[in-house]
Amino acid sequence: MVHVKTAISLDESLFREAENWAGKLGVSRSQLFARAVEEYVRRHENEELLARLNEAHVDGPDEEDEEALRHGQALHAEMLRRAEREGRQ
């Protein structure tokens, strides 16, 4: 993996907090900042994905989704019946 150096400006109090957390976690400030940026990016990617999924399903499930749901419910009900029968034996 290629690493790129960058400079950032922070409020001094935030910088001190970052130093403190880096020490607590046993990582360098650079590692702390890299982890923080990675987490931030992943969270926003997940939020974008969720928004796109919600947009795609705004009208509710289509006929194929409904059929898959009914099939899943039937399988689940059968599993419960089997478990009850096995529990009685």
Protein backbone atom coordinates (compact mmCIF):
# COMPACT_ATOMS: atom_id res chain seq x y z
CA MET A 1 0.00 0.00 0.00
CA VAL A 2 1.32 3.42 -0.94
CA HIS A 3 1.19 5.98 1.86
CA VAL A 4 0.74 9.68 1.28
CA LYS A 5 1.83 12.34 3.73
CA THR A 6 -0.48 15.24 4.42
CA ALA A 7 -0.71 18.14 6.82
CA ILE A 8 -3.87 19.10 8.67
CA SER A 9 -4.79 21.96 10.97
CA LEU A 10 -6.64 21.25 14.21
CA ASP A 11 -7.73 23.22 17.20
CA GLU A 12 -5.10 22.75 19.88
CA SER A 13 -7.58 21.12 22.27
CA LEU A 14 -8.56 18.52 19.64
CA PHE A 15 -4.89 17.88 18.89
CA ARG A 16 -4.23 17.24 22.60
CA GLU A 17 -7.21 14.88 22.78
CA ALA A 18 -5.91 13.01 19.74
CA GLU A 19 -2.47 12.69 21.33
CA ASN A 20 -4.09 11.42 24.52
CA TRP A 21 -6.15 8.80 22.64
CA ALA A 22 -3.18 7.70 20.56
CA GLY A 23 -1.32 7.06 23.80
CA LYS A 24 -4.24 5.18 25.34
CA LEU A 25 -4.58 3.02 22.23
CA GLY A 26 -0.84 2.50 21.84
CA VAL A 27 -0.73 3.85 18.28
CA SER A 28 0.99 6.80 16.65
CA ARG A 29 -0.93 10.00 15.95
CA SER A 30 -0.61 9.18 12.26
CA GLN A 31 -2.23 5.78 12.80
CA LEU A 32 -4.98 7.35 14.92
CA PHE A 33 -5.78 9.91 12.23
CA ALA A 34 -5.70 7.27 9.49
CA ARG A 35 -8.08 5.04 11.47
CA ALA A 36 -10.38 7.96 12.17
CA VAL A 37 -10.55 8.96 8.50
CA GLU A 38 -11.12 5.35 7.45
CA GLU A 39 -13.97 4.95 9.94
CA TYR A 40 -15.51 8.24 8.83
CA VAL A 41 -15.34 7.28 5.15
CA ARG A 42 -16.79 3.77 5.76
CA ARG A 43 -19.65 5.16 7.84
CA HIS A 44 -20.59 7.63 5.11
CA GLU A 45 -20.31 4.93 2.43
CA ASN A 46 -22.72 2.80 4.49
CA GLU A 47 -25.09 5.76 4.91
CA GLU A 48 -25.06 6.34 1.13
CA LEU A 49 -25.75 2.66 0.48
CA LEU A 50 -28.63 2.67 2.96
CA ALA A 51 -30.08 5.78 1.33
CA ARG A 52 -29.90 4.13 -2.12
CA LEU A 53 -31.54 0.96 -0.77
CA ASN A 54 -34.29 2.97 0.89
CA GLU A 55 -34.82 4.89 -2.34
CA ALA A 56 -35.07 1.66 -4.33
CA HIS A 57 -37.70 0.26 -1.96
CA VAL A 58 -39.71 3.42 -1.33
CA ASP A 59 -42.72 1.89 -3.10
CA GLY A 60 -42.57 -1.23 -0.94
CA PRO A 61 -41.85 -4.80 -1.96
CA ASP A 62 -42.67 -5.94 -5.49
CA GLU A 63 -44.43 -9.23 -6.31
CA GLU A 64 -41.15 -11.18 -6.39
CA ASP A 65 -40.17 -9.82 -2.95
CA GLU A 66 -43.61 -10.70 -1.58
CA GLU A 67 -43.31 -14.26 -2.90
CA ALA A 68 -39.85 -14.66 -1.37
CA LEU A 69 -41.20 -13.37 1.94
CA ARG A 70 -44.12 -15.82 1.89
CA HIS A 71 -41.75 -18.67 1.06
CA GLY A 72 -39.42 -17.67 3.91
CA GLN A 73 -42.31 -17.45 6.34
CA ALA A 74 -43.54 -20.91 5.32
CA LEU A 75 -40.05 -22.37 5.81
CA HIS A 76 -39.77 -20.70 9.19
CA ALA A 77 -43.17 -22.03 10.28
CA GLU A 78 -42.17 -25.55 9.22
CA MET A 79 -38.92 -25.29 11.16
CA LEU A 80 -40.85 -24.24 14.26
CA ARG A 81 -43.28 -27.17 13.87
CA ARG A 82 -40.37 -29.61 13.56
CA ALA A 83 -38.63 -28.14 16.59
CA GLU A 84 -41.83 -28.45 18.63
CA ARG A 85 -42.30 -32.09 17.55
CA GLU A 86 -38.68 -32.94 18.38
CA GLY A 87 -39.02 -31.19 21.73
CA ARG A 88 -41.97 -33.41 22.67
CA GLN A 89 -40.19 -36.65 21.86
